[in-house]
């Protein structure tokens, strides 16, 4: 699947959906950090941790309509968690996805 920022008219990257408890718990733990435009869409998700990660993550929190409600750039490894009460889902990337794509609170995203 592809994640696009409709507000900024930019492609953010490819994502795969993590919908089960175990896939959300594992998150990006066994993903290849060299795949810079590949992310994980966690559904449902209001909090993200980075225990066991070797690289920082960018996290984009989304509401039910895929509108950005919070971003967290360069969340360091072994962080206890980032929480967003308004979120329905979250997208994780290894790279500076938020900065490179210009994602900001209020942007409308789309998954194709």
PDB file of N, CA and C in Angstrom:
ATOM      1  N   UNK A   1       0.849  -1.173   0.000  1.00  0.00           N
ATOM      2  CA  UNK A   1       0.000   0.000   0.000  1.00  0.00           C
ATOM      3  C   UNK A   1       0.899   1.241   0.000  1.00  0.00           C
ATOM      4  N   UNK A   2       0.366   2.306  -0.507  1.00  0.00           N
ATOM      5  CA  UNK A   2       1.102   3.568  -0.587  1.00  0.00           C
ATOM      6  C   UNK A   2       0.434   4.612   0.307  1.00  0.00           C
ATOM      7  N   UNK A   3       1.240   5.354   1.051  1.00  0.00           N
ATOM      8  CA  UNK A   3       0.742   6.432   1.903  1.00  0.00           C
ATOM      9  C   UNK A   3       1.039   7.765   1.222  1.00  0.00           C
ATOM     10  N   UNK A   4      -0.021   8.554   1.031  1.00  0.00           N
ATOM     11  CA  UNK A   4       0.095   9.853   0.362  1.00  0.00           C
ATOM     12  C   UNK A   4      -0.445  10.956   1.255  1.00  0.00           C
ATOM     13  N   UNK A   5       0.182  12.113   1.178  1.00  0.00           N
ATOM     14  CA  UNK A   5      -0.290  13.309   1.861  1.00  0.00           C
ATOM     15  C   UNK A   5      -1.099  14.107   0.843  1.00  0.00           C
ATOM     16  N   UNK A   6      -2.425  14.072   0.979  1.00  0.00           N
ATOM     17  CA  UNK A   6      -3.288  14.783   0.031  1.00  0.00           C
ATOM     18  C   UNK A   6      -3.159  16.292   0.179  1.00  0.00           C
ATOM     19  N   UNK A   7      -2.949  16.758   1.400  1.00  0.00           N
ATOM     20  CA  UNK A   7      -2.830  18.200   1.649  1.00  0.00           C
ATOM     21  C   UNK A   7      -1.608  18.776   0.948  1.00  0.00           C
ATOM     22  N   UNK A   8      -0.486  18.071   1.042  1.00  0.00           N
ATOM     23  CA  UNK A   8       0.767  18.559   0.450  1.00  0.00           C
ATOM     24  C   UNK A   8       1.027  17.975  -0.936  1.00  0.00           C
ATOM     25  N   UNK A   9       0.152  17.057  -1.357  1.00  0.00           N
ATOM     26  CA  UNK A   9       0.281  16.407  -2.661  1.00  0.00           C
ATOM     27  C   UNK A   9       1.639  15.732  -2.825  1.00  0.00           C
ATOM     28  N   UNK A  10       1.988  14.902  -1.813  1.00  0.00           N
ATOM     29  CA  UNK A  10       3.264  14.186  -1.827  1.00  0.00           C
ATOM     30  C   UNK A  10       3.078  12.738  -1.403  1.00  0.00           C
ATOM     31  N   UNK A  11       3.892  11.890  -1.984  1.00  0.00           N
ATOM     32  CA  UNK A  11       3.959  10.499  -1.553  1.00  0.00           C
ATOM     33  C   UNK A  11       4.857  10.447  -0.322  1.00  0.00           C
ATOM     34  N   UNK A  12       4.418   9.736   0.714  1.00  0.00           N
ATOM     35  CA  UNK A  12       5.232   9.586   1.920  1.00  0.00           C
ATOM     36  C   UNK A  12       6.043   8.304   1.846  1.00  0.00           C
ATOM     37  N   UNK A  13       5.406   7.203   1.448  1.00  0.00           N
ATOM     38  CA  UNK A  13       6.118   5.936   1.324  1.00  0.00           C
ATOM     39  C   UNK A  13       5.164   4.773   1.238  1.00  0.00           C
ATOM     40  N   UNK A  14       5.729   3.589   1.147  1.00  0.00           N
ATOM     41  CA  UNK A  14       4.905   2.385   1.141  1.00  0.00           C
ATOM     42  C   UNK A  14       4.719   1.931   2.587  1.00  0.00           C
ATOM     43  N   UNK A  15       3.571   1.354   2.872  1.00  0.00           N
ATOM     44  CA  UNK A  15       3.277   0.864   4.222  1.00  0.00           C
ATOM     45  C   UNK A  15       2.635  -0.510   4.130  1.00  0.00           C
ATOM     46  N   UNK A  16       2.850  -1.286   5.182  1.00  0.00           N
ATOM     47  CA  UNK A  16       2.097  -2.520   5.333  1.00  0.00           C
ATOM     48  C   UNK A  16       1.296  -2.400   6.615  1.00  0.00           C
ATOM     49  N   UNK A  17       0.164  -3.053   6.658  1.00  0.00           N
ATOM     50  CA  UNK A  17      -0.752  -2.936   7.794  1.00  0.00           C
ATOM     51  C   UNK A  17      -0.429  -3.978   8.855  1.00  0.00           C
ATOM     52  N   UNK A  18      -0.371  -3.514  10.099  1.00  0.00           N
ATOM     53  CA  UNK A  18      -0.227  -4.391  11.259  1.00  0.00           C
ATOM     54  C   UNK A  18      -1.531  -4.300  12.041  1.00  0.00           C
ATOM     55  N   UNK A  19      -2.381  -5.303  11.890  1.00  0.00           N
ATOM     56  CA  UNK A  19      -3.696  -5.261  12.514  1.00  0.00           C
ATOM     57  C   UNK A  19      -3.878  -6.211  13.678  1.00  0.00           C
ATOM     58  N   UNK A  20      -2.967  -7.157  13.847  1.00  0.00           N
ATOM     59  CA  UNK A  20      -3.084  -8.093  14.964  1.00  0.00           C
ATOM     60  C   UNK A  20      -2.288  -7.578  16.171  1.00  0.00           C
ATOM     61  N   UNK A  21      -2.625  -8.093  17.338  1.00  0.00           N
ATOM     62  CA  UNK A  21      -1.922  -7.672  18.550  1.00  0.00           C
ATOM     63  C   UNK A  21      -0.418  -7.914  18.427  1.00  0.00           C
ATOM     64  N   UNK A  22      -0.024  -9.097  17.972  1.00  0.00           N
ATOM     65  CA  UNK A  22       1.402  -9.430  17.878  1.00  0.00           C
ATOM     66  C   UNK A  22       2.126  -8.568  16.843  1.00  0.00           C
ATOM     67  N   UNK A  23       1.509  -8.334  15.695  1.00  0.00           N
ATOM     68  CA  UNK A  23       2.172  -7.517  14.677  1.00  0.00           C
ATOM     69  C   UNK A  23       2.326  -6.071  15.142  1.00  0.00           C
ATOM     70  N   UNK A  24       1.359  -5.576  15.914  1.00  0.00           N
ATOM     71  CA  UNK A  24       1.485  -4.218  16.461  1.00  0.00           C
ATOM     72  C   UNK A  24       2.536  -4.180  17.564  1.00  0.00           C
ATOM     73  N   UNK A  25       2.582  -5.211  18.401  1.00  0.00           N
ATOM     74  CA  UNK A  25       3.560  -5.274  19.486  1.00  0.00           C
ATOM     75  C   UNK A  25       4.983  -5.303  18.939  1.00  0.00           C
ATOM     76  N   UNK A  26       5.211  -6.084  17.887  1.00  0.00           N
ATOM     77  CA  UNK A  26       6.543  -6.202  17.293  1.00  0.00           C
ATOM     78  C   UNK A  26       6.913  -4.948  16.498  1.00  0.00           C
ATOM     79  N   UNK A  27       5.918  -4.306  15.917  1.00  0.00           N
ATOM     80  CA  UNK A  27       6.165  -3.071  15.176  1.00  0.00           C
ATOM     81  C   UNK A  27       7.243  -3.223  14.132  1.00  0.00           C
ATOM     82  N   UNK A  28       8.216  -2.322  14.147  1.00  0.00           N
ATOM     83  CA  UNK A  28       9.294  -2.295  13.158  1.00  0.00           C
ATOM     84  C   UNK A  28      10.526  -3.070  13.632  1.00  0.00           C
ATOM     85  N   UNK A  29      10.381  -3.852  14.691  1.00  0.00           N
ATOM     86  CA  UNK A  29      11.522  -4.523  15.312  1.00  0.00           C
ATOM     87  C   UNK A  29      12.349  -5.344  14.331  1.00  0.00           C
ATOM     88  N   UNK A  30      11.717  -6.086  13.440  1.00  0.00           N
ATOM     89  CA  UNK A  30      12.462  -6.936  12.512  1.00  0.00           C
ATOM     90  C   UNK A  30      12.444  -6.410  11.083  1.00  0.00           C
ATOM     91  N   UNK A  31      12.159  -5.139  10.927  1.00  0.00           N
ATOM     92  CA  UNK A  31      12.165  -4.519   9.603  1.00  0.00           C
ATOM     93  C   UNK A  31      13.558  -4.014   9.268  1.00  0.00           C
ATOM     94  N   UNK A  32      13.846  -3.918   8.007  1.00  0.00           N
ATOM     95  CA  UNK A  32      15.154  -3.484   7.522  1.00  0.00           C
ATOM     96  C   UNK A  32      15.228  -1.956   7.506  1.00  0.00           C
ATOM     97  N   UNK A  33      16.099  -1.353   8.347  1.00  0.00           N
ATOM     98  CA  UNK A  33      16.199   0.111   8.374  1.00  0.00           C
ATOM     99  C   UNK A  33      16.738   0.713   7.091  1.00  0.00           C
ATOM    100  N   UNK A  34      17.332  -0.103   6.223  1.00  0.00           N
ATOM    101  CA  UNK A  34      17.842   0.403   4.948  1.00  0.00           C
ATOM    102  C   UNK A  34      16.707   0.731   3.972  1.00  0.00           C
ATOM    103  N   UNK A  35      15.525   0.192   4.215  1.00  0.00           N
ATOM    104  CA  UNK A  35      14.373   0.481   3.349  1.00  0.00           C
ATOM    105  C   UNK A  35      13.748   1.792   3.807  1.00  0.00           C
ATOM    106  N   UNK A  36      14.291   2.880   3.321  1.00  0.00           N
ATOM    107  CA  UNK A  36      13.983   4.204   3.859  1.00  0.00           C
ATOM    108  C   UNK A  36      12.553   4.674   3.631  1.00  0.00           C
ATOM    109  N   UNK A  37      11.885   4.165   2.611  1.00  0.00           N
ATOM    110  CA  UNK A  37      10.528   4.659   2.366  1.00  0.00           C
ATOM    111  C   UNK A  37       9.475   3.618   2.725  1.00  0.00           C
ATOM    112  N   UNK A  38       9.841   2.640   3.535  1.00  0.00           N
ATOM    113  CA  UNK A  38       8.918   1.581   3.913  1.00  0.00           C
ATOM    114  C   UNK A  38       8.517   1.730   5.378  1.00  0.00           C
ATOM    115  N   UNK A  39       7.202   1.727   5.627  1.00  0.00           N
ATOM    116  CA  UNK A  39       6.705   1.928   6.985  1.00  0.00           C
ATOM    117  C   UNK A  39       5.688   0.890   7.394  1.00  0.00           C
ATOM    118  N   UNK A  40       5.187   1.062   8.605  1.00  0.00           N
ATOM    119  CA  UNK A  40       4.215   0.141   9.177  1.00  0.00           C
ATOM    120  C   UNK A  40       3.026   0.943   9.689  1.00  0.00           C
ATOM    121  N   UNK A  41       1.822   0.558   9.259  1.00  0.00           N
ATOM    122  CA  UNK A  41       0.575   1.209   9.680  1.00  0.00           C
ATOM    123  C   UNK A  41      -0.043   0.353  10.776  1.00  0.00           C
ATOM    124  N   UNK A  42      -0.067   0.865  11.993  1.00  0.00           N
ATOM    125  CA  UNK A  42      -0.566   0.156  13.164  1.00  0.00           C
ATOM    126  C   UNK A  42      -2.025   0.527  13.408  1.00  0.00           C
ATOM    127  N   UNK A  43      -2.922  -0.480  13.312  1.00  0.00           N
ATOM    128  CA  UNK A  43      -4.358  -0.239  13.430  1.00  0.00           C
ATOM    129  C   UNK A  43      -4.971  -1.257  14.381  1.00  0.00           C
ATOM    130  N   UNK A  44      -5.622  -0.855  15.445  1.00  0.00           N
ATOM    131  CA  UNK A  44      -5.666   0.480  16.051  1.00  0.00           C
ATOM    132  C   UNK A  44      -4.378   0.744  16.830  1.00  0.00           C
ATOM    133  N   UNK A  45      -4.115   2.006  17.134  1.00  0.00           N
ATOM    134  CA  UNK A  45      -2.903   2.355  17.869  1.00  0.00           C
ATOM    135  C   UNK A  45      -2.994   3.782  18.419  1.00  0.00           C
ATOM    136  N   UNK A  46      -2.778   3.917  19.707  1.00  0.00           N
ATOM    137  CA  UNK A  46      -2.709   5.233  20.351  1.00  0.00           C
ATOM    138  C   UNK A  46      -1.362   5.483  21.011  1.00  0.00           C
ATOM    139  N   UNK A  47      -0.514   4.455  21.069  1.00  0.00           N
ATOM    140  CA  UNK A  47       0.793   4.605  21.714  1.00  0.00           C
ATOM    141  C   UNK A  47       1.824   3.734  21.002  1.00  0.00           C
ATOM    142  N   UNK A  48       3.047   4.230  20.959  1.00  0.00           N
ATOM    143  CA  UNK A  48       4.146   3.533  20.297  1.00  0.00           C
ATOM    144  C   UNK A  48       5.335   3.521  21.247  1.00  0.00           C
ATOM    145  N   UNK A  49       6.022   2.369  21.329  1.00  0.00           N
ATOM    146  CA  UNK A  49       7.273   2.279  22.097  1.00  0.00           C
ATOM    147  C   UNK A  49       8.395   1.914  21.134  1.00  0.00           C
ATOM    148  N   UNK A  50       9.629   2.102  21.559  1.00  0.00           N
ATOM    149  CA  UNK A  50      10.762   1.750  20.704  1.00  0.00           C
ATOM    150  C   UNK A  50      11.730   0.810  21.419  1.00  0.00           C
ATOM    151  N   UNK A  51      11.229  -0.003  22.341  1.00  0.00           N
ATOM    152  CA  UNK A  51      12.078  -0.988  23.004  1.00  0.00           C
ATOM    153  C   UNK A  51      12.623  -1.978  21.982  1.00  0.00           C
ATOM    154  N   UNK A  52      13.917  -2.223  22.030  1.00  0.00           N
ATOM    155  CA  UNK A  52      14.554  -3.169  21.133  1.00  0.00           C
ATOM    156  C   UNK A  52      14.951  -2.598  19.786  1.00  0.00           C
ATOM    157  N   UNK A  53      14.565  -1.381  19.499  1.00  0.00           N
ATOM    158  CA  UNK A  53      14.896  -0.774  18.209  1.00  0.00           C
ATOM    159  C   UNK A  53      16.351  -0.315  18.213  1.00  0.00           C
ATOM    160  N   UNK A  54      16.973  -0.379  17.068  1.00  0.00           N
ATOM    161  CA  UNK A  54      18.343   0.081  16.936  1.00  0.00           C
ATOM    162  C   UNK A  54      18.449   1.453  16.308  1.00  0.00           C
ATOM    163  N   UNK A  55      17.368   1.935  15.758  1.00  0.00           N
ATOM    164  CA  UNK A  55      17.348   3.226  15.056  1.00  0.00           C
ATOM    165  C   UNK A  55      16.150   4.040  15.531  1.00  0.00           C
ATOM    166  N   UNK A  56      16.238   5.361  15.427  1.00  0.00           N
ATOM    167  CA  UNK A  56      15.075   6.201  15.758  1.00  0.00           C
ATOM    168  C   UNK A  56      13.934   5.997  14.770  1.00  0.00           C
ATOM    169  N   UNK A  57      12.733   6.305  15.214  1.00  0.00           N
ATOM    170  CA  UNK A  57      11.537   6.200  14.376  1.00  0.00           C
ATOM    171  C   UNK A  57      10.855   7.553  14.246  1.00  0.00           C
ATOM    172  N   UNK A  58      10.196   7.760  13.127  1.00  0.00           N
ATOM    173  CA  UNK A  58       9.239   8.849  12.967  1.00  0.00           C
ATOM    174  C   UNK A  58       7.861   8.224  13.102  1.00  0.00           C
ATOM    175  N   UNK A  59       6.979   8.872  13.840  1.00  0.00           N
ATOM    176  CA  UNK A  59       5.632   8.344  14.049  1.00  0.00           C
ATOM    177  C   UNK A  59       4.616   9.408  13.653  1.00  0.00           C
ATOM    178  N   UNK A  60       3.620   8.987  12.890  1.00  0.00           N
ATOM    179  CA  UNK A  60       2.521   9.856  12.475  1.00  0.00           C
ATOM    180  C   UNK A  60       1.249   9.259  13.062  1.00  0.00           C
ATOM    181  N   UNK A  61       0.582   9.981  13.954  1.00  0.00           N
ATOM    182  CA  UNK A  61      -0.673   9.517  14.545  1.00  0.00           C
ATOM    183  C   UNK A  61      -1.840  10.061  13.728  1.00  0.00           C
ATOM    184  N   UNK A  62      -2.815   9.181  13.451  1.00  0.00           N
ATOM    185  CA  UNK A  62      -3.944   9.520  12.594  1.00  0.00           C
ATOM    186  C   UNK A  62      -5.273   9.268  13.286  1.00  0.00           C
ATOM    187  N   UNK A  63      -6.284  10.067  12.923  1.00  0.00           N
ATOM    188  CA  UNK A  63      -7.638   9.801  13.427  1.00  0.00           C
ATOM    189  C   UNK A  63      -8.329   8.815  12.476  1.00  0.00           C
ATOM    190  N   UNK A  64      -9.630   8.572  12.689  1.00  0.00           N
ATOM    191  CA  UNK A  64     -10.377   7.612  11.864  1.00  0.00           C
ATOM    192  C   UNK A  64     -10.405   8.000  10.387  1.00  0.00           C
ATOM    193  N   UNK A  65     -10.329   9.288  10.099  1.00  0.00           N
ATOM    194  CA  UNK A  65     -10.389   9.760   8.713  1.00  0.00           C
ATOM    195  C   UNK A  65      -9.004   9.911   8.085  1.00  0.00           C
ATOM    196  N   UNK A  66      -7.966   9.423   8.752  1.00  0.00           N
ATOM    197  CA  UNK A  66      -6.569   9.515   8.316  1.00  0.00           C
ATOM    198  C   UNK A  66      -6.058  10.955   8.284  1.00  0.00           C
ATOM    199  N   UNK A  67      -6.589  11.778   9.161  1.00  0.00           N
ATOM    200  CA  UNK A  67      -6.075  13.136   9.333  1.00  0.00           C
ATOM    201  C   UNK A  67      -4.999  13.084  10.416  1.00  0.00           C
ATOM    202  N   UNK A  68      -3.894  13.775  10.192  1.00  0.00           N
ATOM    203  CA  UNK A  68      -2.774  13.769  11.133  1.00  0.00           C
ATOM    204  C   UNK A  68      -3.162  14.541  12.396  1.00  0.00           C
ATOM    205  N   UNK A  69      -3.068  13.864  13.552  1.00  0.00           N
ATOM    206  CA  UNK A  69      -3.387  14.511  14.829  1.00  0.00           C
ATOM    207  C   UNK A  69      -2.139  14.764  15.674  1.00  0.00           C
ATOM    208  N   UNK A  70      -1.029  14.090  15.331  1.00  0.00           N
ATOM    209  CA  UNK A  70       0.229  14.313  16.052  1.00  0.00           C
ATOM    210  C   UNK A  70       1.360  13.675  15.262  1.00  0.00           C
ATOM    211  N   UNK A  71       2.531  14.304  15.311  1.00  0.00           N
ATOM    212  CA  UNK A  71       3.725  13.696  14.739  1.00  0.00           C
ATOM    213  C   UNK A  71       4.812  13.666  15.804  1.00  0.00           C
ATOM    214  N   UNK A  72       5.673  12.690  15.701  1.00  0.00           N
ATOM    215  CA  UNK A  72       6.821  12.578  16.610  1.00  0.00           C
ATOM    216  C   UNK A  72       8.018  12.164  15.761  1.00  0.00           C
ATOM    217  N   UNK A  73       8.944  13.074  15.576  1.00  0.00           N
ATOM    218  CA  UNK A  73      10.114  12.805  14.751  1.00  0.00           C
ATOM    219  C   UNK A  73      11.293  12.328  15.570  1.00  0.00           C
ATOM    220  N   UNK A  74      12.017  11.385  15.002  1.00  0.00           N
ATOM    221  CA  UNK A  74      13.253  10.848  15.593  1.00  0.00           C
ATOM    222  C   UNK A  74      13.068  10.395  17.041  1.00  0.00           C
ATOM    223  N   UNK A  75      12.050   9.560  17.284  1.00  0.00           N
ATOM    224  CA  UNK A  75      11.835   8.971  18.604  1.00  0.00           C
ATOM    225  C   UNK A  75      12.997   8.008  18.845  1.00  0.00           C
ATOM    226  N   UNK A  76      13.782   8.219  19.896  1.00  0.00           N
ATOM    227  CA  UNK A  76      15.000   7.429  20.095  1.00  0.00           C
ATOM    228  C   UNK A  76      14.706   5.979  20.479  1.00  0.00           C
ATOM    229  N   UNK A  77      15.666   5.080  20.191  1.00  0.00           N
ATOM    230  CA  UNK A  77      15.515   3.688  20.615  1.00  0.00           C
ATOM    231  C   UNK A  77      15.337   3.587  22.134  1.00  0.00           C
ATOM    232  N   UNK A  78      14.617   2.573  22.552  1.00  0.00           N
ATOM    233  CA  UNK A  78      14.360   2.263  23.962  1.00  0.00           C
ATOM    234  C   UNK A  78      13.548   3.344  24.679  1.00  0.00           C
ATOM    235  N   UNK A  79      12.731   4.064  23.921  1.00  0.00           N
ATOM    236  CA  UNK A  79      11.816   5.035  24.512  1.00  0.00           C
ATOM    237  C   UNK A  79      10.603   4.288  25.056  1.00  0.00           C
ATOM    238  N   UNK A  80      10.137   4.699  26.234  1.00  0.00           N
ATOM    239  CA  UNK A  80       9.012   4.000  26.862  1.00  0.00           C
ATOM    240  C   UNK A  80       7.699   4.219  26.131  1.00  0.00           C
ATOM    241  N   UNK A  81       7.598   5.276  25.378  1.00  0.00           N
ATOM    242  CA  UNK A  81       6.394   5.417  24.580  1.00  0.00           C
ATOM    243  C   UNK A  81       5.987   6.839  24.286  1.00  0.00           C
ATOM    244  N   UNK A  82       5.300   6.970  23.175  1.00  0.00           N
ATOM    245  CA  UNK A  82       4.680   8.209  22.745  1.00  0.00           C
ATOM    246  C   UNK A  82       3.188   7.901  22.693  1.00  0.00           C
ATOM    247  N   UNK A  83       2.368   8.753  23.289  1.00  0.00           N
ATOM    248  CA  UNK A  83       0.935   8.511  23.402  1.00  0.00           C
ATOM    249  C   UNK A  83       0.161   9.645  22.748  1.00  0.00           C
ATOM    250  N   UNK A  84      -0.966   9.304  22.112  1.00  0.00           N
ATOM    251  CA  UNK A  84      -1.858  10.299  21.528  1.00  0.00           C
ATOM    252  C   UNK A  84      -3.293   9.831  21.730  1.00  0.00           C
ATOM    253  N   UNK A  85      -4.004  10.482  22.633  1.00  0.00           N
ATOM    254  CA  UNK A  85      -5.368  10.061  22.969  1.00  0.00           C
ATOM    255  C   UNK A  85      -6.346  10.228  21.810  1.00  0.00           C
ATOM    256  N   UNK A  86      -6.069  11.126  20.877  1.00  0.00           N
ATOM    257  CA  UNK A  86      -6.974  11.386  19.752  1.00  0.00           C
ATOM    258  C   UNK A  86      -6.767  10.418  18.588  1.00  0.00           C
ATOM    259  N   UNK A  87      -5.714   9.625  18.649  1.00  0.00           N
ATOM    260  CA  UNK A  87      -5.359   8.767  17.521  1.00  0.00           C
ATOM    261  C   UNK A  87      -6.210   7.513  17.444  1.00  0.00           C
ATOM    262  N   UNK A  88      -6.435   7.083  16.219  1.00  0.00           N
ATOM    263  CA  UNK A  88      -7.036   5.787  15.957  1.00  0.00           C
ATOM    264  C   UNK A  88      -5.963   4.813  15.447  1.00  0.00           C
ATOM    265  N   UNK A  89      -4.990   5.348  14.704  1.00  0.00           N
ATOM    266  CA  UNK A  89      -3.917   4.524  14.167  1.00  0.00           C
ATOM    267  C   UNK A  89      -2.629   5.338  14.133  1.00  0.00           C
ATOM    268  N   UNK A  90      -1.532   4.650  13.828  1.00  0.00           N
ATOM    269  CA  UNK A  90      -0.231   5.312  13.734  1.00  0.00           C
ATOM    270  C   UNK A  90       0.569   4.681  12.612  1.00  0.00           C
ATOM    271  N   UNK A  91       1.458   5.472  12.030  1.00  0.00           N
ATOM    272  CA  UNK A  91       2.367   4.977  11.003  1.00  0.00           C
ATOM    273  C   UNK A  91       3.787   5.224  11.493  1.00  0.00           C
ATOM    274  N   UNK A  92       4.625   4.178  11.408  1.00  0.00           N
ATOM    275  CA  UNK A  92       6.023   4.271  11.817  1.00  0.00           C
ATOM    276  C   UNK A  92       6.922   4.171  10.590  1.00  0.00           C
ATOM    277  N   UNK A  93       7.978   4.992  10.576  1.00  0.00           N
ATOM    278  CA  UNK A  93       9.027   4.931   9.561  1.00  0.00           C
ATOM    279  C   UNK A  93      10.369   5.029  10.252  1.00  0.00           C
ATOM    280  N   UNK A  94      11.411   4.438   9.673  1.00  0.00           N
ATOM    281  CA  UNK A  94      12.757   4.561  10.227  1.00  0.00           C
ATOM    282  C   UNK A  94      13.383   5.919   9.951  1.00  0.00           C
ATOM    283  N   UNK A  95      13.119   6.503   8.829  1.00  0.00           N
ATOM    284  CA  UNK A  95      13.815   7.720   8.416  1.00  0.00           C
ATOM    285  C   UNK A  95      13.056   8.967   8.836  1.00  0.00           C
ATOM    286  N   UNK A  96      13.534  10.077   8.378  1.00  0.00           N
ATOM    287  CA  UNK A  96      12.906  11.364   8.676  1.00  0.00           C
ATOM    288  C   UNK A  96      11.698  11.583   7.760  1.00  0.00           C
ATOM    289  N   UNK A  97      10.759  10.666   7.804  1.00  0.00           N
ATOM    290  CA  UNK A  97       9.596  10.712   6.903  1.00  0.00           C
ATOM    291  C   UNK A  97       8.780  11.977   7.088  1.00  0.00           C
ATOM    292  N   UNK A  98       8.600  12.400   8.323  1.00  0.00           N
ATOM    293  CA  UNK A  98       7.813  13.611   8.584  1.00  0.00           C
ATOM    294  C   UNK A  98       8.478  14.830   7.957  1.00  0.00           C
ATOM    295  N   UNK A  99       9.768  14.946   8.162  1.00  0.00           N
ATOM    296  CA  UNK A  99      10.503  16.103   7.642  1.00  0.00           C
ATOM    297  C   UNK A  99      10.589  16.069   6.113  1.00  0.00           C
ATOM    298  N   UNK A 100      10.929  14.913   5.562  1.00  0.00           N
ATOM    299  CA  UNK A 100      11.109  14.801   4.114  1.00  0.00           C
ATOM    300  C   UNK A 100       9.816  15.011   3.342  1.00  0.00           C
ATOM    301  N   UNK A 101       8.706  14.566   3.899  1.00  0.00           N
ATOM    302  CA  UNK A 101       7.435  14.688   3.179  1.00  0.00           C
ATOM    303  C   UNK A 101       6.637  15.910   3.606  1.00  0.00           C
ATOM    304  N   UNK A 102       7.097  16.617   4.634  1.00  0.00           N
ATOM    305  CA  UNK A 102       6.404  17.812   5.085  1.00  0.00           C
ATOM    306  C   UNK A 102       5.123  17.545   5.849  1.00  0.00           C
ATOM    307  N   UNK A 103       4.971  16.344   6.402  1.00  0.00           N
ATOM    308  CA  UNK A 103       3.761  15.995   7.149  1.00  0.00           C
ATOM    309  C   UNK A 103       3.638  16.868   8.391  1.00  0.00           C
ATOM    310  N   UNK A 104       2.425  17.398   8.610  1.00  0.00           N
ATOM    311  CA  UNK A 104       2.184  18.194   9.813  1.00  0.00           C
ATOM    312  C   UNK A 104       0.755  17.969  10.296  1.00  0.00           C
ATOM    313  N   UNK A 105       0.511  18.351  11.525  1.00  0.00           N
ATOM    314  CA  UNK A 105      -0.812  18.179  12.138  1.00  0.00           C
ATOM    315  C   UNK A 105      -1.864  18.863  11.273  1.00  0.00           C
ATOM    316  N   UNK A 106      -2.953  18.153  11.028  1.00  0.00           N
ATOM    317  CA  UNK A 106      -4.043  18.673  10.204  1.00  0.00           C
ATOM    318  C   UNK A 106      -4.033  18.175   8.778  1.00  0.00           C
ATOM    319  N   UNK A 107      -2.900  17.644   8.318  1.00  0.00           N
ATOM    320  CA  UNK A 107      -2.819  17.134   6.942  1.00  0.00           C
ATOM    321  C   UNK A 107      -3.743  15.936   6.775  1.00  0.00           C
ATOM    322  N   UNK A 108      -4.302  15.820   5.594  1.00  0.00           N
ATOM    323  CA  UNK A 108      -5.152  14.686   5.225  1.00  0.00           C
ATOM    324  C   UNK A 108      -4.313  13.683   4.464  1.00  0.00           C
ATOM    325  N   UNK A 109      -4.243  12.449   4.987  1.00  0.00           N
ATOM    326  CA  UNK A 109      -3.490  11.400   4.312  1.00  0.00           C
ATOM    327  C   UNK A 109      -4.438  10.416   3.642  1.00  0.00           C
ATOM    328  N   UNK A 110      -3.883   9.617   2.744  1.00  0.00           N
ATOM    329  CA  UNK A 110      -4.649   8.591   2.054  1.00  0.00           C
ATOM    330  C   UNK A 110      -3.750   7.367   1.866  1.00  0.00           C
ATOM    331  N   UNK A 111      -4.356   6.201   2.055  1.00  0.00           N
ATOM    332  CA  UNK A 111      -3.651   4.939   1.807  1.00  0.00           C
ATOM    333  C   UNK A 111      -4.293   4.297   0.597  1.00  0.00           C
ATOM    334  N   UNK A 112      -3.476   4.044  -0.416  1.00  0.00           N
ATOM    335  CA  UNK A 112      -3.959   3.464  -1.688  1.00  0.00           C
ATOM    336  C   UNK A 112      -3.440   2.050  -1.820  1.00  0.00           C
TER     337      UNK A 112
END
